[in-house]
């Protein structure tokens, strides 16, 4: 009797990977709205820019802001904030149009450092301006001769710009730290 026996061919063992050792391979992080290159990030950049420009325009329409150093500092800080936010908003628009995301650690670190510096400057300038505004309005009772409502509005817009830049900074820093 002639019986055909199937032959067994040896198969090489698959190479040992980190997954076999218990370490799971790292996946790509999902894009969270507010990160650079997302529509949420563009909305944050636009609101930063809008509030900074509003603060700059309101403070610029007063005739006596150059007489107070804190108000000059506010104008300088929100000018820098508006320029920085406009540049990054343009980059966000480009990233959205070409469907690319900012995943390069050098670029993300540049965004995080820039957001950190501009948010610190804007917050410090808004706090200094708020202190002077309270001094003029409440302590000196000199609002009739000064533009207290304009100073308060410009200061409030600077704080709003800072509130909008803080999530951008935190998300960029978190993205950088998670890589």
N, C-alpha and C. Protein backbone atom coordinates (compact mmCIF):
# COMPACT_ATOMS: atom_id res chain seq x y z
N UNK A 1 0.79 -1.15 0.00
CA UNK A 1 0.00 0.00 0.00
C UNK A 1 0.86 1.24 0.00
N UNK A 2 0.59 2.01 -0.96
CA UNK A 2 1.32 3.26 -1.11
C UNK A 2 0.46 4.43 -0.58
N UNK A 3 0.80 4.96 0.52
CA UNK A 3 0.05 6.07 1.11
C UNK A 3 0.92 7.30 1.06
N UNK A 4 0.30 8.37 0.64
CA UNK A 4 1.04 9.63 0.58
C UNK A 4 0.90 10.31 1.94
N UNK A 5 2.03 10.56 2.51
CA UNK A 5 2.04 11.25 3.79
C UNK A 5 2.38 12.72 3.56
N UNK A 6 1.59 13.58 4.13
CA UNK A 6 1.94 15.00 3.97
C UNK A 6 3.23 15.29 4.70
N UNK A 7 4.02 16.06 4.09
CA UNK A 7 5.28 16.43 4.74
C UNK A 7 5.10 17.72 5.53
N UNK A 8 5.76 17.78 6.60
CA UNK A 8 5.69 18.97 7.47
C UNK A 8 6.96 19.75 7.22
N UNK A 9 6.74 21.00 6.83
CA UNK A 9 7.89 21.86 6.61
C UNK A 9 8.09 22.74 7.84
N UNK A 10 9.27 22.78 8.34
CA UNK A 10 9.49 23.63 9.52
C UNK A 10 9.35 25.11 9.17
N UNK A 11 8.76 25.86 10.04
CA UNK A 11 8.56 27.29 9.85
C UNK A 11 9.43 28.02 10.86
N UNK A 12 10.08 29.05 10.38
CA UNK A 12 10.93 29.81 11.29
C UNK A 12 10.07 30.54 12.30
N UNK A 13 10.60 30.67 13.48
CA UNK A 13 9.89 31.40 14.53
C UNK A 13 9.93 32.90 14.19
N UNK A 14 8.85 33.59 14.46
CA UNK A 14 8.85 35.03 14.17
C UNK A 14 9.84 35.75 15.08
N UNK A 15 10.38 36.86 14.60
CA UNK A 15 11.36 37.57 15.43
C UNK A 15 10.70 38.10 16.71
N UNK A 16 11.50 38.15 17.75
CA UNK A 16 11.01 38.63 19.03
C UNK A 16 10.87 40.14 18.96
N UNK A 17 9.69 40.62 19.33
CA UNK A 17 9.44 42.06 19.32
C UNK A 17 9.17 42.52 20.74
N UNK A 18 9.08 43.83 20.86
CA UNK A 18 8.78 44.40 22.18
C UNK A 18 7.38 44.02 22.63
N UNK A 19 6.48 43.79 21.68
CA UNK A 19 5.12 43.41 22.04
C UNK A 19 5.10 42.05 22.72
N UNK A 20 6.01 41.14 22.31
CA UNK A 20 6.08 39.83 22.92
C UNK A 20 6.64 39.91 24.33
N UNK A 21 7.44 40.92 24.59
CA UNK A 21 8.02 41.09 25.92
C UNK A 21 7.09 41.80 26.88
N UNK A 22 5.93 42.17 26.43
CA UNK A 22 4.97 42.83 27.31
C UNK A 22 4.88 44.32 27.08
N UNK A 23 5.77 44.89 26.30
CA UNK A 23 5.71 46.32 26.03
C UNK A 23 4.87 46.55 24.78
N UNK A 24 3.88 47.36 24.91
CA UNK A 24 3.01 47.65 23.78
C UNK A 24 3.66 48.72 22.91
N UNK A 25 3.55 48.61 21.60
CA UNK A 25 4.10 49.66 20.75
C UNK A 25 3.34 50.95 20.94
N UNK A 26 4.07 52.05 20.86
CA UNK A 26 3.45 53.36 21.06
C UNK A 26 2.69 53.76 19.81
N UNK A 27 1.49 54.19 20.00
CA UNK A 27 0.67 54.66 18.90
C UNK A 27 0.76 56.17 18.78
N UNK A 28 0.22 56.68 17.73
CA UNK A 28 0.19 58.12 17.54
C UNK A 28 -0.87 58.73 18.43
N UNK A 29 -0.54 59.88 18.97
CA UNK A 29 -1.48 60.56 19.83
C UNK A 29 -2.55 61.22 18.97
N UNK A 30 -3.79 61.13 19.43
CA UNK A 30 -4.88 61.75 18.70
C UNK A 30 -4.76 63.26 18.83
N UNK A 31 -5.17 63.94 17.80
CA UNK A 31 -5.16 65.40 17.85
C UNK A 31 -6.32 65.89 18.68
N UNK A 32 -6.02 66.69 19.66
CA UNK A 32 -7.03 67.30 20.52
C UNK A 32 -7.29 68.68 19.98
N UNK A 33 -8.56 69.08 19.94
CA UNK A 33 -8.87 70.42 19.45
C UNK A 33 -8.21 71.45 20.36
N UNK A 34 -7.50 72.36 19.75
CA UNK A 34 -6.74 73.36 20.47
C UNK A 34 -5.25 73.21 20.23
N UNK A 35 -4.85 72.03 19.76
CA UNK A 35 -3.45 71.82 19.43
C UNK A 35 -3.15 72.53 18.11
N UNK A 36 -1.89 72.81 17.85
CA UNK A 36 -1.54 73.48 16.59
C UNK A 36 -1.95 72.65 15.38
N UNK A 37 -2.48 73.33 14.39
CA UNK A 37 -2.87 72.67 13.15
C UNK A 37 -4.27 72.09 13.17
N UNK A 38 -5.05 72.39 14.21
CA UNK A 38 -6.44 71.93 14.29
C UNK A 38 -7.37 73.14 14.23
N UNK A 39 -8.62 72.93 13.87
CA UNK A 39 -9.56 74.06 13.87
C UNK A 39 -9.72 74.70 15.25
N UNK A 40 -9.66 73.90 16.30
CA UNK A 40 -9.72 74.46 17.65
C UNK A 40 -8.51 75.34 17.96
N UNK A 41 -7.33 74.92 17.48
CA UNK A 41 -6.13 75.73 17.64
C UNK A 41 -6.24 77.04 16.89
N UNK A 42 -6.83 76.98 15.70
CA UNK A 42 -7.03 78.20 14.92
C UNK A 42 -8.00 79.14 15.63
N UNK A 43 -9.05 78.59 16.23
CA UNK A 43 -10.00 79.42 16.98
C UNK A 43 -9.32 80.08 18.17
N UNK A 44 -8.47 79.35 18.88
CA UNK A 44 -7.73 79.94 20.00
C UNK A 44 -6.80 81.05 19.52
N UNK A 45 -6.10 80.80 18.41
CA UNK A 45 -5.19 81.82 17.88
C UNK A 45 -5.95 83.07 17.44
N UNK A 46 -7.09 82.86 16.81
CA UNK A 46 -7.88 84.00 16.36
C UNK A 46 -8.39 84.81 17.55
N UNK A 47 -8.84 84.12 18.60
CA UNK A 47 -9.32 84.86 19.78
C UNK A 47 -8.18 85.58 20.49
N UNK A 48 -7.00 84.98 20.54
CA UNK A 48 -5.84 85.67 21.11
C UNK A 48 -5.56 86.94 20.33
N UNK A 49 -5.53 86.80 19.02
CA UNK A 49 -5.24 87.93 18.16
C UNK A 49 -6.30 89.01 18.30
N UNK A 50 -7.58 88.63 18.29
CA UNK A 50 -8.67 89.61 18.36
C UNK A 50 -8.64 90.38 19.67
N UNK A 51 -8.49 89.67 20.79
CA UNK A 51 -8.47 90.36 22.08
C UNK A 51 -7.24 91.26 22.23
N UNK A 52 -6.09 90.81 21.72
CA UNK A 52 -4.89 91.63 21.81
C UNK A 52 -5.02 92.89 20.95
N UNK A 53 -5.58 92.75 19.75
CA UNK A 53 -5.77 93.91 18.89
C UNK A 53 -6.79 94.87 19.48
N UNK A 54 -7.86 94.33 20.06
CA UNK A 54 -8.85 95.20 20.71
C UNK A 54 -8.21 95.97 21.86
N UNK A 55 -7.41 95.30 22.66
CA UNK A 55 -6.74 95.98 23.77
C UNK A 55 -5.80 97.07 23.24
N UNK A 56 -5.08 96.74 22.19
CA UNK A 56 -4.16 97.71 21.59
C UNK A 56 -4.90 98.91 21.03
N UNK A 57 -6.00 98.67 20.33
CA UNK A 57 -6.76 99.78 19.74
C UNK A 57 -7.41 100.66 20.80
N UNK A 58 -7.97 100.04 21.83
CA UNK A 58 -8.61 100.83 22.89
C UNK A 58 -7.58 101.66 23.62
N UNK A 59 -6.45 101.05 23.95
CA UNK A 59 -5.41 101.81 24.66
C UNK A 59 -4.79 102.86 23.74
N UNK A 60 -4.68 102.57 22.46
CA UNK A 60 -4.10 103.53 21.53
C UNK A 60 -4.98 104.74 21.27
N UNK A 61 -6.28 104.62 21.51
CA UNK A 61 -7.17 105.76 21.28
C UNK A 61 -7.16 106.77 22.42
N UNK A 62 -6.55 106.40 23.54
CA UNK A 62 -6.45 107.36 24.64
C UNK A 62 -5.24 108.25 24.40
N UNK A 63 -5.36 109.49 24.79
CA UNK A 63 -4.27 110.43 24.54
C UNK A 63 -3.21 110.40 25.63
N UNK A 64 -3.55 109.94 26.83
CA UNK A 64 -2.60 110.03 27.92
C UNK A 64 -2.02 108.69 28.37
N UNK A 65 -2.13 107.64 27.55
CA UNK A 65 -1.53 106.37 27.97
C UNK A 65 0.00 106.42 28.00
N UNK A 66 0.69 107.22 27.15
CA UNK A 66 2.16 107.21 27.23
C UNK A 66 2.71 107.80 28.53
N UNK A 67 1.87 108.47 29.30
CA UNK A 67 2.38 109.07 30.54
C UNK A 67 2.54 108.04 31.65
N UNK A 68 1.99 106.84 31.50
CA UNK A 68 2.09 105.81 32.52
C UNK A 68 2.86 104.62 31.95
N UNK A 69 3.91 104.23 32.65
CA UNK A 69 4.78 103.16 32.17
C UNK A 69 4.04 101.83 32.02
N UNK A 70 3.14 101.53 32.94
CA UNK A 70 2.40 100.26 32.87
C UNK A 70 1.54 100.20 31.62
N UNK A 71 0.99 101.33 31.21
CA UNK A 71 0.16 101.33 30.00
C UNK A 71 1.02 101.20 28.75
N UNK A 72 2.21 101.78 28.77
CA UNK A 72 3.13 101.58 27.64
C UNK A 72 3.56 100.12 27.56
N UNK A 73 3.79 99.52 28.71
CA UNK A 73 4.15 98.10 28.77
C UNK A 73 3.01 97.24 28.23
N UNK A 74 1.77 97.61 28.56
CA UNK A 74 0.61 96.88 28.04
C UNK A 74 0.55 96.97 26.52
N UNK A 75 0.78 98.15 25.98
CA UNK A 75 0.76 98.32 24.52
C UNK A 75 1.85 97.48 23.87
N UNK A 76 3.04 97.46 24.46
CA UNK A 76 4.13 96.65 23.90
C UNK A 76 3.81 95.16 23.99
N UNK A 77 3.27 94.72 25.12
CA UNK A 77 2.99 93.30 25.31
C UNK A 77 1.88 92.81 24.38
N UNK A 78 0.80 93.57 24.27
CA UNK A 78 -0.29 93.11 23.39
C UNK A 78 0.09 93.27 21.92
N UNK A 79 0.99 94.18 21.61
CA UNK A 79 1.50 94.25 20.23
C UNK A 79 2.26 92.99 19.89
N UNK A 80 3.13 92.56 20.79
CA UNK A 80 3.87 91.31 20.57
C UNK A 80 2.93 90.11 20.53
N UNK A 81 1.93 90.10 21.42
CA UNK A 81 0.96 89.01 21.45
C UNK A 81 0.16 88.94 20.15
N UNK A 82 -0.25 90.08 19.65
CA UNK A 82 -1.04 90.07 18.42
C UNK A 82 -0.19 89.63 17.23
N UNK A 83 1.05 90.05 17.17
CA UNK A 83 1.93 89.63 16.08
C UNK A 83 2.18 88.12 16.13
N UNK A 84 2.49 87.62 17.32
CA UNK A 84 2.75 86.19 17.50
C UNK A 84 1.51 85.36 17.15
N UNK A 85 0.35 85.79 17.62
CA UNK A 85 -0.87 85.05 17.36
C UNK A 85 -1.25 85.08 15.89
N UNK A 86 -1.01 86.20 15.23
CA UNK A 86 -1.32 86.29 13.80
C UNK A 86 -0.43 85.36 12.99
N UNK A 87 0.84 85.32 13.30
CA UNK A 87 1.77 84.43 12.58
C UNK A 87 1.36 82.97 12.77
N UNK A 88 1.05 82.59 14.02
CA UNK A 88 0.67 81.20 14.26
C UNK A 88 -0.71 80.88 13.71
N UNK A 89 -1.59 81.86 13.63
CA UNK A 89 -2.89 81.62 13.00
C UNK A 89 -2.70 81.35 11.51
N UNK A 90 -1.81 82.07 10.88
CA UNK A 90 -1.52 81.83 9.46
C UNK A 90 -0.95 80.43 9.27
N UNK A 91 -0.05 80.01 10.17
CA UNK A 91 0.49 78.65 10.09
C UNK A 91 -0.59 77.60 10.33
N UNK A 92 -1.51 77.89 11.24
CA UNK A 92 -2.61 76.95 11.47
C UNK A 92 -3.52 76.84 10.25
N UNK A 93 -3.80 77.95 9.60
CA UNK A 93 -4.61 77.92 8.38
C UNK A 93 -3.91 77.09 7.32
N UNK A 94 -2.61 77.28 7.16
CA UNK A 94 -1.85 76.50 6.18
C UNK A 94 -1.90 75.01 6.52
N UNK A 95 -1.71 74.68 7.81
CA UNK A 95 -1.72 73.27 8.21
C UNK A 95 -3.08 72.64 7.98
N UNK A 96 -4.14 73.40 8.22
CA UNK A 96 -5.48 72.86 8.00
C UNK A 96 -5.75 72.67 6.51
N UNK A 97 -5.30 73.62 5.69
CA UNK A 97 -5.55 73.51 4.24
C UNK A 97 -4.80 72.35 3.61
N UNK A 98 -3.58 72.09 4.04
CA UNK A 98 -2.81 70.99 3.45
C UNK A 98 -2.96 69.70 4.25
N UNK A 99 -3.80 69.73 5.27
CA UNK A 99 -4.09 68.56 6.12
C UNK A 99 -2.84 67.96 6.73
N UNK A 100 -2.02 68.82 7.30
CA UNK A 100 -0.81 68.39 7.99
C UNK A 100 -0.90 68.84 9.44
N UNK A 101 -0.19 68.15 10.30
CA UNK A 101 -0.20 68.49 11.71
C UNK A 101 1.22 68.77 12.15
N UNK A 102 1.32 69.61 13.15
CA UNK A 102 2.63 69.96 13.68
C UNK A 102 3.03 68.89 14.69
N UNK A 103 3.86 67.94 14.26
CA UNK A 103 4.31 66.88 15.14
C UNK A 103 5.82 66.93 15.37
N UNK A 104 6.49 67.83 14.70
CA UNK A 104 7.93 67.95 14.86
C UNK A 104 8.22 68.54 16.24
N UNK A 105 9.02 67.86 17.05
CA UNK A 105 9.29 68.36 18.41
C UNK A 105 9.94 69.74 18.44
N UNK A 106 10.75 70.05 17.44
CA UNK A 106 11.39 71.37 17.42
C UNK A 106 10.36 72.47 17.18
N UNK A 107 9.43 72.21 16.28
CA UNK A 107 8.39 73.20 15.99
C UNK A 107 7.46 73.37 17.18
N UNK A 108 7.07 72.25 17.79
CA UNK A 108 6.19 72.31 18.95
C UNK A 108 6.87 73.01 20.12
N UNK A 109 8.18 72.77 20.29
CA UNK A 109 8.89 73.45 21.37
C UNK A 109 8.99 74.95 21.10
N UNK A 110 9.15 75.34 19.83
CA UNK A 110 9.15 76.76 19.50
C UNK A 110 7.80 77.39 19.82
N UNK A 111 6.72 76.69 19.47
CA UNK A 111 5.38 77.19 19.80
C UNK A 111 5.18 77.30 21.30
N UNK A 112 5.62 76.28 22.04
CA UNK A 112 5.44 76.30 23.49
C UNK A 112 6.25 77.41 24.15
N UNK A 113 7.47 77.61 23.71
CA UNK A 113 8.31 78.67 24.28
C UNK A 113 7.73 80.04 23.93
N UNK A 114 7.33 80.22 22.68
CA UNK A 114 6.75 81.50 22.27
C UNK A 114 5.45 81.80 23.00
N UNK A 115 4.59 80.78 23.14
CA UNK A 115 3.35 80.98 23.88
C UNK A 115 3.63 81.28 25.35
N UNK A 116 4.62 80.61 25.92
CA UNK A 116 4.96 80.87 27.32
C UNK A 116 5.46 82.28 27.54
N UNK A 117 6.31 82.75 26.65
CA UNK A 117 6.86 84.10 26.80
C UNK A 117 5.77 85.15 26.59
N UNK A 118 5.01 85.01 25.51
CA UNK A 118 3.99 86.03 25.24
C UNK A 118 2.87 86.01 26.28
N UNK A 119 2.51 84.84 26.78
CA UNK A 119 1.46 84.80 27.80
C UNK A 119 1.95 85.41 29.11
N UNK A 120 3.20 85.18 29.44
CA UNK A 120 3.74 85.79 30.67
C UNK A 120 3.81 87.29 30.54
N UNK A 121 4.26 87.78 29.40
CA UNK A 121 4.33 89.24 29.20
C UNK A 121 2.94 89.87 29.20
N UNK A 122 1.99 89.23 28.55
CA UNK A 122 0.63 89.77 28.50
C UNK A 122 0.00 89.78 29.88
N UNK A 123 0.19 88.70 30.63
CA UNK A 123 -0.38 88.64 31.98
C UNK A 123 0.25 89.68 32.89
N UNK A 124 1.56 89.83 32.83
CA UNK A 124 2.23 90.82 33.67
C UNK A 124 1.78 92.24 33.31
N UNK A 125 1.66 92.52 32.02
CA UNK A 125 1.22 93.85 31.60
C UNK A 125 -0.22 94.12 31.99
N UNK A 126 -1.07 93.12 31.89
CA UNK A 126 -2.47 93.29 32.28
C UNK A 126 -2.58 93.51 33.79
N UNK A 127 -1.78 92.79 34.56
CA UNK A 127 -1.81 92.98 36.02
C UNK A 127 -1.30 94.37 36.40
N UNK A 128 -0.24 94.81 35.76
CA UNK A 128 0.29 96.15 36.06
C UNK A 128 -0.71 97.23 35.67
N UNK A 129 -1.34 97.07 34.53
CA UNK A 129 -2.33 98.04 34.09
C UNK A 129 -3.56 98.03 34.99
N UNK A 130 -3.95 96.86 35.45
CA UNK A 130 -5.09 96.78 36.37
C UNK A 130 -4.76 97.49 37.67
N UNK A 131 -3.54 97.34 38.15
CA UNK A 131 -3.14 98.04 39.37
C UNK A 131 -3.18 99.54 39.22
N UNK A 132 -2.70 100.04 38.10
CA UNK A 132 -2.72 101.49 37.85
C UNK A 132 -4.15 101.98 37.67
N UNK A 133 -4.97 101.18 36.99
CA UNK A 133 -6.37 101.56 36.79
C UNK A 133 -7.11 101.65 38.13
N UNK A 134 -6.86 100.70 39.01
CA UNK A 134 -7.47 100.75 40.35
C UNK A 134 -6.95 101.95 41.12
N UNK A 135 -5.67 102.24 40.98
CA UNK A 135 -5.09 103.41 41.66
C UNK A 135 -5.75 104.69 41.18
N UNK A 136 -5.89 104.84 39.87
CA UNK A 136 -6.49 106.06 39.33
C UNK A 136 -7.97 106.15 39.69
N UNK A 137 -8.70 105.04 39.53
CA UNK A 137 -10.14 105.08 39.73
C UNK A 137 -10.57 105.09 41.17
N UNK A 138 -10.05 104.18 41.98
CA UNK A 138 -10.54 104.03 43.35
C UNK A 138 -9.76 104.87 44.36
N UNK A 139 -8.45 104.88 44.26
CA UNK A 139 -7.65 105.54 45.28
C UNK A 139 -7.52 107.04 45.06
N UNK A 140 -7.31 107.45 43.81
CA UNK A 140 -7.14 108.88 43.53
C UNK A 140 -8.44 109.57 43.16
N UNK A 141 -9.48 108.80 42.85
CA UNK A 141 -10.76 109.35 42.39
C UNK A 141 -10.57 110.39 41.29
N UNK A 142 -9.75 110.01 40.32
CA UNK A 142 -9.38 110.95 39.26
C UNK A 142 -9.87 110.45 37.89
N UNK A 143 -11.01 109.80 37.84
CA UNK A 143 -11.51 109.25 36.57
C UNK A 143 -12.10 110.32 35.66
N UNK A 144 -12.47 111.45 36.21
CA UNK A 144 -13.07 112.49 35.38
C UNK A 144 -12.05 113.07 34.41
N UNK A 145 -10.81 113.18 34.84
CA UNK A 145 -9.78 113.74 33.97
C UNK A 145 -9.11 112.66 33.12
N UNK A 146 -9.18 111.41 33.54
CA UNK A 146 -8.54 110.31 32.82
C UNK A 146 -9.59 109.47 32.10
N UNK A 147 -9.12 108.55 31.32
CA UNK A 147 -9.99 107.67 30.53
C UNK A 147 -10.10 106.32 31.25
N UNK A 148 -10.70 106.30 32.41
CA UNK A 148 -10.75 105.07 33.22
C UNK A 148 -11.46 103.93 32.51
N UNK A 149 -12.57 104.22 31.87
CA UNK A 149 -13.31 103.13 31.21
C UNK A 149 -12.50 102.55 30.05
N UNK A 150 -11.78 103.36 29.35
CA UNK A 150 -10.93 102.85 28.27
C UNK A 150 -9.76 102.04 28.83
N UNK A 151 -9.17 102.53 29.92
CA UNK A 151 -8.08 101.79 30.55
C UNK A 151 -8.58 100.43 31.05
N UNK A 152 -9.76 100.42 31.67
CA UNK A 152 -10.33 99.18 32.18
C UNK A 152 -10.67 98.22 31.03
N UNK A 153 -11.19 98.77 29.95
CA UNK A 153 -11.53 97.93 28.80
C UNK A 153 -10.29 97.32 28.17
N UNK A 154 -9.25 98.13 28.01
CA UNK A 154 -7.99 97.62 27.43
C UNK A 154 -7.37 96.56 28.33
N UNK A 155 -7.43 96.78 29.63
CA UNK A 155 -6.90 95.81 30.57
C UNK A 155 -7.71 94.51 30.53
N UNK A 156 -9.02 94.64 30.46
CA UNK A 156 -9.87 93.44 30.38
C UNK A 156 -9.60 92.66 29.10
N UNK A 157 -9.41 93.35 28.00
CA UNK A 157 -9.12 92.66 26.74
C UNK A 157 -7.75 91.97 26.80
N UNK A 158 -6.81 92.57 27.49
CA UNK A 158 -5.50 91.93 27.66
C UNK A 158 -5.63 90.66 28.50
N UNK A 159 -6.45 90.71 29.55
CA UNK A 159 -6.69 89.50 30.34
C UNK A 159 -7.39 88.43 29.50
N UNK A 160 -8.33 88.83 28.67
CA UNK A 160 -9.01 87.86 27.80
C UNK A 160 -8.03 87.23 26.81
N UNK A 161 -7.11 88.03 26.31
CA UNK A 161 -6.09 87.48 25.42
C UNK A 161 -5.22 86.47 26.17
N UNK A 162 -4.90 86.77 27.42
CA UNK A 162 -4.12 85.83 28.22
C UNK A 162 -4.91 84.55 28.48
N UNK A 163 -6.21 84.68 28.75
CA UNK A 163 -7.04 83.49 28.95
C UNK A 163 -7.08 82.63 27.70
N UNK A 164 -6.99 83.24 26.53
CA UNK A 164 -7.02 82.48 25.28
C UNK A 164 -5.66 81.86 24.96
N UNK A 165 -4.57 82.48 25.38
CA UNK A 165 -3.25 81.94 25.06
C UNK A 165 -2.83 80.85 26.05
N UNK A 166 -3.40 80.84 27.22
CA UNK A 166 -3.02 79.83 28.21
C UNK A 166 -3.32 78.40 27.77
N UNK A 167 -4.51 78.10 27.21
CA UNK A 167 -4.72 76.73 26.72
C UNK A 167 -3.77 76.35 25.59
N UNK A 168 -3.43 77.31 24.73
CA UNK A 168 -2.48 77.02 23.65
C UNK A 168 -1.13 76.62 24.23
N UNK A 169 -0.68 77.38 25.22
CA UNK A 169 0.60 77.07 25.85
C UNK A 169 0.55 75.69 26.52
N UNK A 170 -0.50 75.43 27.28
CA UNK A 170 -0.58 74.15 28.00
C UNK A 170 -0.66 72.97 27.04
N UNK A 171 -1.43 73.10 25.95
CA UNK A 171 -1.52 72.01 24.99
C UNK A 171 -0.21 71.79 24.24
N UNK A 172 0.48 72.88 23.88
CA UNK A 172 1.78 72.72 23.22
C UNK A 172 2.79 72.11 24.16
N UNK A 173 2.78 72.53 25.41
CA UNK A 173 3.71 71.97 26.39
C UNK A 173 3.39 70.49 26.64
N UNK A 174 2.11 70.16 26.72
CA UNK A 174 1.71 68.77 26.94
C UNK A 174 2.10 67.91 25.74
N UNK A 175 1.90 68.44 24.54
CA UNK A 175 2.30 67.71 23.34
C UNK A 175 3.79 67.46 23.32
N UNK A 176 4.55 68.45 23.72
CA UNK A 176 6.01 68.31 23.77
C UNK A 176 6.42 67.32 24.83
N UNK A 177 5.78 67.35 25.98
CA UNK A 177 6.16 66.45 27.07
C UNK A 177 5.73 65.01 26.80
N UNK A 178 4.71 64.80 26.00
CA UNK A 178 4.22 63.45 25.76
C UNK A 178 4.98 62.72 24.66
N UNK A 179 5.89 63.37 24.00
CA UNK A 179 6.63 62.72 22.91
C UNK A 179 7.87 62.05 23.43
